[in-house]
Amino acid sequence: MIDKELFGLIGKNKKYIFIAVLLQAFGLIANVGITAAICYAVYLVLNGAQPLDYLYPAIGAAAGVILRYVMTRLTGDVKDMLGRKVKKDLRKRAYDKIVKLGVKSADGMSMAGLTQVGMEGVEQLDLYYSSYLPQFFFSMLAPVILFAICVWIDWRTALVLLACVPLIPVSIVAVSKYAKKIFAKYWGKYTSMGDKFLDCVQGLKELKIFKADREYHDKMNESAEEFRKITMKVLVMQLASTTIMDLVAYGGAGAGIALAVSGAAYGELNPVGALFLCLVAVEFFLPLRSFGSAFHVAMNGASAGKKIISLLNTPDPVWGNEQVSGREIKLSGVTFSYDGKRDVLCGINMTFPEKGMTAIVGESGCGKSTVVNMLVGALRPKTGEITVGGVPLDRLSRESYYSHLAVVGYNTYIFNQTVRENFMLANGAVTDEQIYDALDKVNLASFIRENGGLDKVIAEDANNISGGQKQRLALAVNLVADKDIYVFDEATSNIDVESETIIMRNIKTLSESKSVIVISHRLANVVPADGIYFMESGEVKESGTHARLMTEKRGYEKLFTAQKNLERGYAEVTA
């Protein structure tokens, strides 16, 4: 009933759980005191006491009510404090973890999934920690306290009541195995529906253009219907388990009351004592009954908690604390596997000099993107070594390495800020003159001046500029960053010929003083490269300059010729 991993997440906040349990225990004792005061008043009535004699039970009942009220308020405050601290700590840990992962993706989690886990998942865990855990420990303690009090009045009734208490946890355990499966599916369906909804909203324009909005509308309805069905299963399961717990609770209390009444009827038990036991009997089961109700909330929180644990348990990339002392990057005998079974890189040997343009080419699926992820530190080799300036990558400080590295991809993110603010992210000391100089190099200066200047706000996902302009702006931003190593990962993918020409011209100029690594599916872009690695099936099959690889007439020459013929044929068709 207590998940050790989830319990371990709260760390030093555990003390608030035990404070809440202690306060609830005092509240229970206050309740028993009120019941005792009432029974004492009944005893005085039966024995014809004087009016002043009722002062003592009245004072006792009033003290009990006050104590109960204070304990209830304090318990609520402590639980609220526990919930707030847990939420704050978990969100901080989740955020810190994402920051530590850096460019490494969170295993199996989309952006929508991360958002749901970080927001609603943590909210569900709030209830798990602030309601479920304190109630669990209190429900274990309460029957023991009551037994210790009642055993002095009638040990048989106290023993029967105590013996019936474990039937509630047994019923909860019986339901929990089924409940865990249901709640796991519930949270999975919930996140899946969120992913589909976000995907459809982001691609709404394309869905309208292709007249596929009705089809995806139906798919969304199917996803929502699946979520509704699993929600109904959750509710049915909760209702069934609540009914079982009620039967056990009130059945156990009824057995205790029957035994107490029987004892009083046969003269084996004082009537006032029997009345006390009858009034207290329900108290044996109410904490566990409340715990059973909290159990269902806890299962939902536990399912969300597993997602958070999965995120927090994602291995951090290994970094050291040494500083970068050189720019030459080498991959020596590097192999890598995503699943631990099939190698997607096999004995890769590559050298990227301190100056010059080096290209990695090959057909889709050959391993180019995996090599890029190795270079930026998102993935680490299964065997082999990556060195920067002769120092293994895992011994370098991440901050030091990234201060020398720039990555420009086909989907480089441009922030929803002004043009100036985007540049200042790369270089906080950049001047307007330097920004316009970089924009001029990528043929964007005139466009920016005519459309609001450097105060022009770039829309979300750069929707207010073209794809080519977005790529050129990303290149300009990275130019002012003035890094030593530049990685261009399909930086000219899906853009117009003019933008492609401008970007490749800047890349070649940049390579005269920087280490430039270019990954491209279009081989015409890498003709001027100082060195080219041609990959097939995760291996480097050929390496050398364009002229040399063409004379060898192997895989590179065949792919280059095929692309040229395709482009020539396209030009003839469109002429």
Protein backbone atom coordinates (compact mmCIF):
# COMPACT_ATOMS: atom_id res chain seq x y z
CA MET A 1 0.00 0.00 0.00
CA ILE A 2 3.02 2.26 0.37
CA ASP A 3 5.17 2.65 -2.72
CA LYS A 4 8.76 2.97 -1.50
CA GLU A 5 9.87 4.97 -4.53
CA LEU A 6 7.03 7.46 -4.15
CA PHE A 7 7.55 7.68 -0.40
CA GLY A 8 11.24 8.37 -0.99
CA LEU A 9 10.44 11.32 -3.25
CA ILE A 10 9.32 13.55 -0.39
CA GLY A 11 12.69 13.46 1.41
CA LYS A 12 12.86 15.76 4.42
CA ASN A 13 9.12 16.53 4.15
CA LYS A 14 8.36 13.16 5.81
CA LYS A 15 8.29 14.93 9.16
CA TYR A 16 5.04 16.68 8.22
CA ILE A 17 3.35 13.31 7.68
CA PHE A 18 4.18 12.18 11.19
CA ILE A 19 3.21 15.54 12.69
CA ALA A 20 -0.19 15.23 10.94
CA VAL A 21 -0.60 11.67 12.28
CA LEU A 22 0.24 12.81 15.81
CA LEU A 23 -2.29 15.65 15.62
CA GLN A 24 -4.95 13.24 14.34
CA ALA A 25 -4.18 10.91 17.25
CA PHE A 26 -4.76 13.75 19.72
CA GLY A 27 -8.00 14.54 17.91
CA LEU A 28 -9.08 10.90 18.29
CA ILE A 29 -8.34 11.01 22.01
CA ALA A 30 -10.39 14.21 22.21
CA ASN A 31 -13.29 12.37 20.54
CA VAL A 32 -13.02 9.54 23.03
CA GLY A 33 -12.97 12.13 25.82
CA ILE A 34 -16.22 13.66 24.54
CA THR A 35 -17.81 10.20 24.38
CA ALA A 36 -16.62 9.42 27.92
CA ALA A 37 -18.08 12.73 29.17
CA ILE A 38 -21.46 11.87 27.62
CA CYS A 39 -21.41 8.37 29.15
CA TYR A 40 -20.48 9.84 32.53
CA ALA A 41 -23.44 12.23 32.28
CA VAL A 42 -25.71 9.25 31.55
CA TYR A 43 -24.21 7.48 34.58
CA LEU A 44 -25.05 10.52 36.74
CA VAL A 45 -28.62 10.55 35.42
CA LEU A 46 -29.08 6.87 36.24
CA ASN A 47 -27.80 7.45 39.77
CA GLY A 48 -29.87 10.57 40.51
CA ALA A 49 -26.95 13.01 40.80
CA GLN A 50 -27.28 16.67 41.81
CA PRO A 51 -27.23 19.41 39.14
CA LEU A 52 -23.73 20.58 40.13
CA ASP A 53 -22.42 17.07 39.50
CA TYR A 54 -23.04 17.58 35.77
CA LEU A 55 -20.47 20.39 35.74
CA TYR A 56 -17.56 17.95 35.42
CA PRO A 57 -18.81 16.05 32.35
CA ALA A 58 -19.84 19.38 30.79
CA ILE A 59 -16.33 20.79 31.30
CA GLY A 60 -14.83 17.54 29.98
CA ALA A 61 -17.04 17.58 26.88
CA ALA A 62 -16.27 21.27 26.23
CA ALA A 63 -12.52 20.65 26.59
CA GLY A 64 -12.80 17.72 24.23
CA VAL A 65 -14.68 19.78 21.64
CA ILE A 66 -12.11 22.59 21.84
CA LEU A 67 -9.19 20.14 21.59
CA ARG A 68 -10.85 18.36 18.67
CA TYR A 69 -11.40 21.65 16.85
CA VAL A 70 -7.81 22.80 17.40
CA MET A 71 -6.38 19.42 16.31
CA THR A 72 -8.56 19.40 13.18
CA ARG A 73 -7.43 22.90 12.20
CA LEU A 74 -3.77 22.14 12.88
CA THR A 75 -3.99 18.86 10.97
CA GLY A 76 -5.46 20.67 7.97
CA ASP A 77 -2.72 23.31 8.12
CA VAL A 78 0.04 20.70 8.33
CA LYS A 79 -1.42 18.69 5.44
CA ASP A 80 -1.72 21.86 3.38
CA MET A 81 1.89 22.76 4.17
CA LEU A 82 2.97 19.21 3.26
CA GLY A 83 1.12 19.40 -0.06
CA ARG A 84 2.58 22.79 -0.98
CA LYS A 85 6.13 21.79 -0.09
CA VAL A 86 5.88 18.47 -1.94
CA LYS A 87 4.51 20.16 -5.08
CA LYS A 88 7.20 22.82 -4.97
CA ASP A 89 9.99 20.28 -4.42
CA LEU A 90 8.76 17.86 -7.09
CA ARG A 91 8.36 20.57 -9.70
CA LYS A 92 11.82 21.90 -8.87
CA ARG A 93 13.32 18.41 -9.11
CA ALA A 94 11.55 17.72 -12.40
CA TYR A 95 12.73 21.04 -13.83
CA ASP A 96 16.28 20.53 -12.56
CA LYS A 97 16.28 17.05 -14.08
CA ILE A 98 15.23 18.37 -17.49
CA VAL A 99 17.99 20.99 -17.23
CA LYS A 100 20.54 18.29 -16.30
CA LEU A 101 19.46 16.15 -19.23
CA GLY A 102 20.17 19.12 -21.46
CA VAL A 103 19.94 18.07 -25.10
CA LYS A 104 19.14 14.49 -24.11
CA SER A 105 15.45 13.76 -24.48
CA ALA A 106 13.27 12.47 -21.63
CA ASP A 107 12.69 8.80 -22.36
CA GLY A 108 9.29 8.13 -23.93
CA MET A 109 7.78 11.53 -23.02
CA SER A 110 6.42 14.03 -25.48
CA MET A 111 6.19 17.75 -24.73
CA ALA A 112 2.49 17.34 -23.91
CA GLY A 113 3.30 14.42 -21.62
CA LEU A 114 5.99 16.38 -19.79
CA THR A 115 3.58 19.29 -19.34
CA GLN A 116 0.84 17.03 -17.96
CA VAL A 117 3.24 15.29 -15.61
CA GLY A 118 4.73 18.58 -14.41
CA MET A 119 1.34 20.17 -13.79
CA GLU A 120 -1.56 17.77 -13.23
CA GLY A 121 0.63 14.79 -12.32
CA VAL A 122 2.16 16.75 -9.45
CA GLU A 123 -1.31 17.91 -8.38
CA GLN A 124 -2.42 14.27 -8.15
CA LEU A 125 0.67 13.46 -6.08
CA ASP A 126 -0.22 16.35 -3.77
CA LEU A 127 -3.32 14.38 -2.72
CA TYR A 128 -1.26 11.19 -2.42
CA TYR A 129 1.14 12.80 0.04
CA SER A 130 -1.15 15.21 1.90
CA SER A 131 -4.20 12.91 2.22
CA TYR A 132 -3.32 9.29 1.56
CA LEU A 133 -0.05 8.83 3.46
CA PRO A 134 -1.09 10.60 6.71
CA GLN A 135 -4.40 8.69 6.67
CA PHE A 136 -2.57 5.39 6.09
CA PHE A 137 -0.39 5.76 9.20
CA PHE A 138 -3.23 7.16 11.30
CA SER A 139 -5.56 4.30 10.31
CA MET A 140 -2.92 1.85 11.53
CA LEU A 141 -2.46 3.70 14.83
CA ALA A 142 -6.10 4.57 15.68
CA PRO A 143 -7.41 1.01 16.33
CA VAL A 144 -4.43 0.31 18.60
CA ILE A 145 -5.18 3.46 20.66
CA LEU A 146 -8.87 2.58 20.91
CA PHE A 147 -8.10 -1.03 21.84
CA ALA A 148 -5.76 0.17 24.60
CA ILE A 149 -8.66 2.24 26.01
CA CYS A 150 -11.52 -0.26 25.54
CA VAL A 151 -9.69 -3.35 26.73
CA TRP A 152 -10.05 -2.09 30.34
CA ILE A 153 -13.84 -1.96 29.99
CA ASP A 154 -14.44 -5.28 28.22
CA TRP A 155 -11.57 -7.19 26.68
CA ARG A 156 -13.83 -9.45 24.59
CA THR A 157 -15.59 -6.59 22.79
CA ALA A 158 -12.30 -4.73 22.33
CA LEU A 159 -10.69 -7.86 20.86
CA VAL A 160 -13.58 -8.49 18.44
CA LEU A 161 -13.47 -4.89 17.23
CA LEU A 162 -9.70 -5.03 16.77
CA ALA A 163 -9.91 -8.39 14.98
CA CYS A 164 -12.45 -7.02 12.45
CA VAL A 165 -10.30 -3.98 11.60
CA PRO A 166 -7.81 -5.86 9.33
CA LEU A 167 -10.69 -6.94 7.08
CA ILE A 168 -10.72 -3.45 5.54
CA PRO A 169 -7.02 -3.53 4.51
CA VAL A 170 -7.58 -7.06 3.18
CA SER A 171 -10.44 -5.81 1.01
CA ILE A 172 -8.28 -2.86 -0.15
CA VAL A 173 -5.42 -5.20 -1.08
CA ALA A 174 -7.86 -7.43 -2.97
CA VAL A 175 -9.05 -4.43 -4.98
CA SER A 176 -5.62 -2.79 -5.37
CA LYS A 177 -4.20 -5.26 -7.91
CA TYR A 178 -7.10 -4.62 -10.24
CA ALA A 179 -7.13 -0.91 -9.37
CA LYS A 180 -3.45 -0.41 -10.27
CA LYS A 181 -4.04 -1.78 -13.76
CA ILE A 182 -7.10 0.42 -14.21
CA PHE A 183 -5.35 3.59 -13.00
CA ALA A 184 -2.25 2.87 -15.10
CA LYS A 185 -4.49 2.63 -18.17
CA TYR A 186 -6.42 5.71 -17.02
CA TRP A 187 -3.31 7.90 -16.87
CA GLY A 188 -2.00 6.41 -20.12
CA LYS A 189 -5.27 7.19 -21.92
CA TYR A 190 -5.26 10.67 -20.42
CA THR A 191 -1.76 11.55 -21.64
CA SER A 192 -2.44 9.89 -25.00
CA MET A 193 -5.54 12.01 -25.47
CA GLY A 194 -3.53 15.13 -24.58
CA ASP A 195 -0.83 14.22 -27.12
CA LYS A 196 -3.39 13.68 -29.88
CA PHE A 197 -5.23 16.89 -29.07
CA LEU A 198 -2.01 18.96 -29.09
CA ASP A 199 -0.89 17.28 -32.32
CA CYS A 200 -4.22 18.06 -34.03
CA VAL A 201 -4.25 21.67 -32.84
CA GLN A 202 -0.67 22.26 -34.02
CA GLY A 203 -1.42 20.72 -37.42
CA LEU A 204 -4.89 22.21 -37.82
CA LYS A 205 -3.91 24.23 -40.90
CA GLU A 206 -2.61 21.13 -42.69
CA LEU A 207 -5.68 19.14 -41.69
CA LYS A 208 -7.92 21.83 -43.18
CA ILE A 209 -5.87 22.04 -46.38
CA PHE A 210 -5.90 18.28 -46.90
CA LYS A 211 -9.55 18.06 -45.86
CA ALA A 212 -8.57 15.57 -43.20
CA ASP A 213 -10.05 17.53 -40.30
CA ARG A 214 -13.18 15.35 -40.22
CA GLU A 215 -11.07 12.18 -40.07
CA TYR A 216 -8.96 13.53 -37.21
CA HIS A 217 -12.08 14.88 -35.53
CA ASP A 218 -13.35 11.30 -35.48
CA LYS A 219 -10.00 10.09 -34.13
CA MET A 220 -10.19 12.66 -31.34
CA ASN A 221 -13.72 11.49 -30.56
CA GLU A 222 -12.47 7.89 -30.42
CA SER A 223 -9.68 8.90 -28.04
CA ALA A 224 -12.13 10.86 -25.87
CA GLU A 225 -14.54 7.89 -25.87
CA GLU A 226 -11.74 5.54 -24.77
CA PHE A 227 -10.93 7.94 -21.94
CA ARG A 228 -14.63 8.11 -20.98
CA LYS A 229 -14.84 4.32 -20.84
CA ILE A 230 -11.75 3.96 -18.67
CA THR A 231 -13.10 6.75 -16.43
CA MET A 232 -16.36 4.82 -16.03
CA LYS A 233 -14.36 1.71 -15.10
CA VAL A 234 -12.53 3.73 -12.46
CA LEU A 235 -15.81 5.00 -11.02
CA VAL A 236 -17.37 1.51 -11.00
CA MET A 237 -14.30 0.11 -9.28
CA GLN A 238 -14.39 2.91 -6.69
CA LEU A 239 -18.08 2.37 -6.00
CA ALA A 240 -17.66 -1.39 -5.66
CA SER A 241 -14.68 -1.10 -3.30
CA THR A 242 -16.49 1.58 -1.23
CA THR A 243 -19.47 -0.75 -0.85
CA ILE A 244 -17.22 -3.59 0.30
CA MET A 245 -15.48 -1.35 2.84
CA ASP A 246 -18.82 -0.08 4.17
CA LEU A 247 -20.04 -3.64 4.67
CA VAL A 248 -16.87 -4.56 6.54
CA ALA A 249 -16.79 -1.37 8.62
CA TYR A 250 -20.42 -1.35 9.70
CA GLY A 251 -20.52 -5.13 10.00
CA GLY A 252 -17.51 -5.07 12.35
CA ALA A 253 -18.98 -2.20 14.35
CA GLY A 254 -22.30 -4.07 14.52
CA ALA A 255 -20.57 -7.20 15.85
CA GLY A 256 -18.88 -5.17 18.57
CA ILE A 257 -22.10 -3.38 19.51
CA ALA A 258 -24.00 -6.68 19.63
CA LEU A 259 -21.40 -8.18 21.95
CA ALA A 260 -21.48 -5.11 24.23
CA VAL A 261 -25.29 -5.11 24.40
CA SER A 262 -25.27 -8.84 25.06
CA GLY A 263 -22.80 -8.37 27.91
CA ALA A 264 -24.95 -5.65 29.45
CA ALA A 265 -28.12 -7.78 29.06
CA TYR A 266 -26.56 -10.72 30.89
CA GLY A 267 -25.14 -8.50 33.61
CA GLU A 268 -21.54 -9.16 32.58
CA LEU A 269 -20.96 -5.55 31.62
CA ASN A 270 -21.93 -2.23 33.19
CA PRO A 271 -24.65 -0.56 31.06
CA VAL A 272 -22.71 2.69 30.94
CA GLY A 273 -19.58 0.80 29.88
CA ALA A 274 -21.64 -0.98 27.19
CA LEU A 275 -22.92 2.41 25.99
CA PHE A 276 -19.34 3.71 25.77
CA LEU A 277 -18.27 0.67 23.72
CA CYS A 278 -21.27 1.06 21.41
CA LEU A 279 -20.44 4.73 20.79
CA VAL A 280 -16.73 4.05 20.27
CA ALA A 281 -17.18 0.94 18.10
CA VAL A 282 -17.54 2.95 14.88
CA GLU A 283 -14.36 4.89 15.69
CA PHE A 284 -12.39 1.65 15.20
CA PHE A 285 -13.36 1.59 11.53
CA LEU A 286 -13.78 5.22 10.47
CA PRO A 287 -10.01 5.93 10.00
CA LEU A 288 -9.60 2.87 7.79
CA ARG A 289 -12.82 3.72 5.99
CA SER A 290 -11.43 7.18 5.23
CA PHE A 291 -8.18 5.56 4.20
CA GLY A 292 -10.06 3.36 1.74
CA SER A 293 -11.62 6.45 0.16
CA ALA A 294 -8.23 8.14 -0.10
CA PHE A 295 -6.83 4.95 -1.65
CA HIS A 296 -8.56 5.62 -4.97
CA VAL A 297 -7.16 9.12 -5.15
CA ALA A 298 -3.76 7.69 -4.27
CA MET A 299 -3.85 5.19 -7.13
CA ASN A 300 -4.29 7.99 -9.65
CA GLY A 301 -1.48 9.94 -7.99
CA ALA A 302 0.73 6.84 -7.94
CA SER A 303 0.25 6.36 -11.69
CA ALA A 304 1.30 9.96 -12.28
CA GLY A 305 4.15 9.49 -9.79
CA LYS A 306 5.56 6.62 -11.85
CA LYS A 307 5.90 9.02 -14.78
CA ILE A 308 7.76 11.50 -12.58
CA ILE A 309 9.99 8.73 -11.22
CA SER A 310 10.70 7.59 -14.78
CA LEU A 311 11.79 11.13 -15.61
CA LEU A 312 13.89 11.52 -12.44
CA ASN A 313 15.52 8.09 -12.98
CA THR A 314 16.62 8.89 -16.53
CA PRO A 315 20.43 8.62 -16.41
CA ASP A 316 22.20 11.97 -16.56
CA PRO A 317 24.77 12.51 -19.32
CA VAL A 318 28.25 12.01 -17.90
CA TRP A 319 30.28 15.20 -17.78
CA GLY A 320 33.51 16.09 -16.00
CA ASN A 321 35.09 19.38 -14.95
CA GLU A 322 38.00 19.82 -17.36
CA GLN A 323 38.13 22.81 -19.69
CA VAL A 324 38.22 22.61 -23.49
CA SER A 325 41.81 23.21 -24.63
CA GLY A 326 41.52 22.36 -28.34
CA ARG A 327 38.93 22.25 -31.10
CA GLU A 328 39.80 19.04 -32.94
CA ILE A 329 37.15 16.37 -32.41
CA LYS A 330 37.86 12.67 -32.91
CA LEU A 331 35.60 9.63 -32.86
CA SER A 332 37.67 6.50 -32.33
CA GLY A 333 36.08 3.05 -32.71
CA VAL A 334 32.66 4.38 -31.67
CA THR A 335 29.73 1.95 -31.55
CA PHE A 336 26.25 2.69 -30.31
CA SER A 337 22.97 0.88 -29.78
CA TYR A 338 19.60 2.33 -28.81
CA ASP A 339 18.17 -0.94 -27.53
CA GLY A 340 21.34 -2.70 -26.36
CA LYS A 341 20.92 -5.34 -29.07
CA ARG A 342 21.37 -3.92 -32.54
CA ASP A 343 24.28 -1.53 -33.17
CA VAL A 344 23.32 1.51 -35.24
CA LEU A 345 26.93 2.72 -35.29
CA CYS A 346 29.73 0.23 -35.86
CA GLY A 347 33.37 1.17 -35.24
CA ILE A 348 33.09 4.79 -36.41
CA ASN A 349 36.39 6.65 -36.88
CA MET A 350 36.13 10.33 -37.77
CA THR A 351 38.31 13.41 -37.36
CA PHE A 352 37.02 16.98 -37.44
CA PRO A 353 40.01 19.40 -37.61
CA GLU A 354 40.25 22.75 -35.84
CA LYS A 355 39.63 24.57 -39.11
CA GLY A 356 37.79 23.56 -42.19
CA MET A 357 34.54 22.09 -43.39
CA THR A 358 33.89 18.39 -42.80
CA ALA A 359 30.72 16.74 -44.14
CA ILE A 360 28.85 13.59 -43.11
CA VAL A 361 26.58 12.25 -45.83
CA GLY A 362 24.60 9.14 -46.68
CA GLU A 363 21.09 7.92 -47.26
CA SER A 364 18.39 8.21 -44.55
CA GLY A 365 18.93 5.79 -41.68
CA CYS A 366 22.67 5.44 -42.19
CA GLY A 367 23.50 6.92 -38.76
CA LYS A 368 24.19 10.61 -39.50
CA SER A 369 21.80 11.94 -36.85
CA THR A 370 23.16 9.52 -34.26
CA VAL A 371 26.67 10.87 -34.89
CA VAL A 372 25.33 14.42 -34.42
CA ASN A 373 23.74 13.44 -31.11
CA MET A 374 27.10 11.99 -30.08
CA LEU A 375 28.86 15.25 -30.96
CA VAL A 376 26.46 17.40 -28.92
CA GLY A 377 26.59 15.05 -25.92
CA ALA A 378 22.99 13.79 -26.09
CA LEU A 379 24.21 10.19 -26.57
CA ARG A 380 27.33 8.42 -25.35
CA PRO A 381 29.17 5.56 -27.10
CA LYS A 382 28.66 1.95 -26.09
CA THR A 383 32.31 1.38 -26.95
CA GLY A 384 34.99 3.66 -28.32
CA GLU A 385 35.79 7.24 -27.41
CA ILE A 386 35.01 10.81 -28.42
CA THR A 387 37.74 13.37 -27.71
CA VAL A 388 37.82 17.15 -27.99
CA GLY A 389 41.32 18.58 -28.14
CA GLY A 390 42.62 15.18 -27.04
CA VAL A 391 40.42 15.12 -23.90
CA PRO A 392 37.59 12.52 -23.65
CA LEU A 393 34.20 14.23 -23.93
CA ASP A 394 32.92 12.75 -20.65
CA ARG A 395 35.80 14.43 -18.78
CA LEU A 396 34.96 17.89 -20.08
CA SER A 397 32.74 20.38 -18.29
CA ARG A 398 29.41 20.65 -20.09
CA GLU A 399 29.46 24.43 -19.66
CA SER A 400 32.96 24.63 -21.13
CA TYR A 401 32.13 22.40 -24.11
CA TYR A 402 28.89 24.18 -24.94
CA SER A 403 30.64 27.54 -24.72
CA HIS A 404 32.64 26.40 -27.78
CA LEU A 405 29.79 24.64 -29.62
CA ALA A 406 26.94 25.90 -31.82
CA VAL A 407 24.29 23.69 -33.46
CA VAL A 408 22.10 24.87 -36.33
CA GLY A 409 19.45 22.39 -37.44
CA TYR A 410 16.46 22.30 -39.73
CA ASN A 411 14.22 22.98 -36.71
CA THR A 412 16.39 25.41 -34.73
CA TYR A 413 14.06 27.19 -32.31
CA ILE A 414 13.46 30.91 -32.63
CA PHE A 415 11.93 32.36 -29.46
CA ASN A 416 8.70 34.34 -29.32
CA GLN A 417 10.64 37.53 -28.59
CA THR A 418 12.05 40.47 -30.50
CA VAL A 419 14.81 39.97 -33.04
CA ARG A 420 17.22 41.76 -30.72
CA GLU A 421 16.32 39.55 -27.74
CA ASN A 422 16.91 36.41 -29.83
CA PHE A 423 20.40 37.64 -30.66
CA MET A 424 21.10 38.59 -27.04
CA LEU A 425 20.37 35.02 -25.98
CA ALA A 426 23.43 33.98 -27.98
CA ASN A 427 25.56 36.95 -26.97
CA GLY A 428 24.43 39.27 -24.20
CA ALA A 429 26.96 41.94 -25.18
CA VAL A 430 26.05 42.08 -28.89
CA THR A 431 25.44 45.55 -30.34
CA ASP A 432 22.82 46.59 -32.89
CA GLU A 433 25.61 47.12 -35.43
CA GLN A 434 26.87 43.57 -34.93
CA ILE A 435 23.33 42.20 -35.25
CA TYR A 436 22.76 44.03 -38.54
CA ASP A 437 26.18 42.89 -39.77
CA ALA A 438 25.16 39.25 -39.12
CA LEU A 439 21.75 39.84 -40.73
CA ASP A 440 23.46 41.39 -43.76
CA LYS A 441 25.60 38.25 -44.19
CA VAL A 442 22.45 36.13 -44.46
CA ASN A 443 20.61 38.70 -46.62
CA LEU A 444 18.01 39.54 -43.96
CA ALA A 445 19.04 43.08 -42.96
CA SER A 446 16.74 44.85 -45.43
CA PHE A 447 13.76 42.66 -44.52
CA ILE A 448 14.21 43.31 -40.79
CA ARG A 449 14.64 47.08 -41.27
CA GLU A 450 11.48 47.27 -43.38
CA ASN A 451 9.40 45.19 -40.93
CA GLY A 452 9.85 46.79 -37.53
CA GLY A 453 13.60 46.65 -37.11
CA LEU A 454 15.25 44.80 -34.25
CA ASP A 455 12.13 45.33 -32.14
CA LYS A 456 10.11 43.13 -34.50
CA VAL A 457 8.56 40.33 -32.45
CA ILE A 458 9.01 36.84 -33.86
CA ALA A 459 5.73 34.95 -33.51
CA GLU A 460 5.44 31.57 -31.85
CA ASP A 461 7.21 28.91 -33.95
CA ALA A 462 8.35 31.81 -36.21
CA ASN A 463 5.00 31.81 -37.99
CA ASN A 464 5.34 35.43 -39.15
CA ILE A 465 8.45 34.76 -41.28
CA SER A 466 9.11 32.21 -44.02
CA GLY A 467 10.95 28.92 -43.52
CA GLY A 468 14.00 30.21 -45.37
CA GLN A 469 14.04 33.42 -43.35
CA LYS A 470 13.76 31.39 -40.15
CA GLN A 471 16.80 29.27 -41.12
CA ARG A 472 18.83 32.33 -42.12
CA LEU A 473 17.87 34.10 -38.89
CA ALA A 474 18.98 31.04 -36.91
CA LEU A 475 22.32 31.10 -38.74
CA ALA A 476 22.76 34.83 -38.05
CA VAL A 477 22.04 34.31 -34.34
CA ASN A 478 24.70 31.61 -34.19
CA LEU A 479 27.18 33.79 -36.10
CA VAL A 480 27.10 36.44 -33.35
CA ALA A 481 27.59 33.68 -30.77
CA ASP A 482 31.12 33.36 -32.22
CA LYS A 483 31.72 29.72 -31.27
CA ASP A 484 34.73 27.59 -32.24
CA ILE A 485 32.82 24.51 -33.42
CA TYR A 486 29.71 24.70 -35.61
CA VAL A 487 27.46 21.74 -36.37
CA PHE A 488 24.98 22.22 -39.22
CA ASP A 489 22.45 19.38 -39.09
CA GLU A 490 20.37 19.49 -42.29
CA ALA A 491 20.40 23.29 -41.92
CA THR A 492 19.19 23.76 -45.52
CA SER A 493 16.41 21.19 -45.40
CA ASN A 494 13.02 22.23 -46.80
CA ILE A 495 13.96 25.80 -47.74
CA ASP A 496 14.15 27.75 -50.99
CA VAL A 497 17.20 27.63 -53.28
CA GLU A 498 18.12 31.28 -52.59
CA SER A 499 18.21 30.72 -48.83
CA GLU A 500 20.13 27.49 -49.29
CA THR A 501 22.77 29.24 -51.41
CA ILE A 502 23.16 32.05 -48.85
CA ILE A 503 23.49 29.62 -45.93
CA MET A 504 26.04 27.38 -47.69
CA ARG A 505 28.11 30.41 -48.72
CA ASN A 506 28.25 31.54 -45.09
CA ILE A 507 29.10 28.04 -43.91
CA LYS A 508 32.07 27.86 -46.27
CA THR A 509 33.30 31.31 -45.19
CA LEU A 510 32.90 30.31 -41.55
CA SER A 511 35.01 27.18 -42.11
CA GLU A 512 38.04 29.31 -42.95
CA SER A 513 38.49 30.08 -39.24
CA LYS A 514 36.22 27.61 -37.45
CA SER A 515 35.69 23.87 -37.21
CA VAL A 516 32.53 23.31 -39.26
CA ILE A 517 30.67 19.99 -39.41
CA VAL A 518 27.92 19.69 -42.02
CA ILE A 519 25.31 16.94 -42.19
CA SER A 520 23.32 17.09 -45.40
CA HIS A 521 21.13 14.82 -47.48
CA ARG A 522 21.89 16.95 -50.57
CA LEU A 523 25.40 16.11 -51.75
CA ALA A 524 25.73 19.22 -53.95
CA ASN A 525 26.01 21.23 -50.71
CA VAL A 526 29.14 19.38 -49.56
CA VAL A 527 31.15 19.57 -52.79
CA PRO A 528 33.40 22.36 -51.38
CA ALA A 529 34.00 20.44 -48.11
CA ASP A 530 37.61 19.80 -47.09
CA GLY A 531 36.66 16.25 -46.10
CA ILE A 532 33.62 14.02 -46.57
CA TYR A 533 32.54 10.89 -44.67
CA PHE A 534 30.11 8.70 -46.58
CA MET A 535 28.09 6.39 -44.32
CA GLU A 536 26.08 3.23 -44.98
CA SER A 537 24.36 1.03 -42.39
CA GLY A 538 26.09 2.70 -39.45
CA GLU A 539 29.60 2.42 -40.91
CA VAL A 540 31.98 4.85 -42.63
CA LYS A 541 32.35 3.31 -46.08
CA GLU A 542 34.30 6.10 -47.78
CA SER A 543 36.17 9.26 -46.81
CA GLY A 544 38.02 11.97 -48.67
CA THR A 545 37.37 15.06 -50.79
CA HIS A 546 34.54 15.23 -53.30
CA ALA A 547 36.95 14.86 -56.23
CA ARG A 548 38.58 11.78 -54.74
CA LEU A 549 35.29 10.08 -53.87
CA MET A 550 33.96 10.72 -57.37
CA THR A 551 37.00 9.05 -58.97
CA GLU A 552 36.54 5.96 -56.77
CA LYS A 553 33.08 5.45 -58.33
CA ARG A 554 31.61 3.71 -55.31
CA GLY A 555 28.59 4.51 -53.10
CA TYR A 556 29.17 8.27 -52.87
CA GLU A 557 29.61 8.69 -56.64
CA LYS A 558 26.47 6.67 -57.33
CA LEU A 559 24.36 8.68 -54.86
CA PHE A 560 25.75 12.02 -56.11
CA THR A 561 25.11 11.09 -59.76
CA ALA A 562 21.59 9.87 -58.94
CA GLN A 563 20.77 13.16 -57.21
CA LYS A 564 22.21 15.19 -60.08
CA ASN A 565 20.16 13.27 -62.64
CA LEU A 566 17.04 13.72 -60.51
CA GLU A 567 17.62 17.47 -60.23
CA ARG A 568 18.32 17.74 -63.96
CA GLY A 569 15.14 15.86 -64.76
CA TYR A 570 13.14 18.10 -62.41
CA ALA A 571 14.61 21.21 -64.07
CA GLU A 572 13.62 19.92 -67.52
CA VAL A 573 10.07 19.19 -66.39
CA THR A 574 9.59 22.63 -64.83
CA ALA A 575 11.32 24.53 -67.66
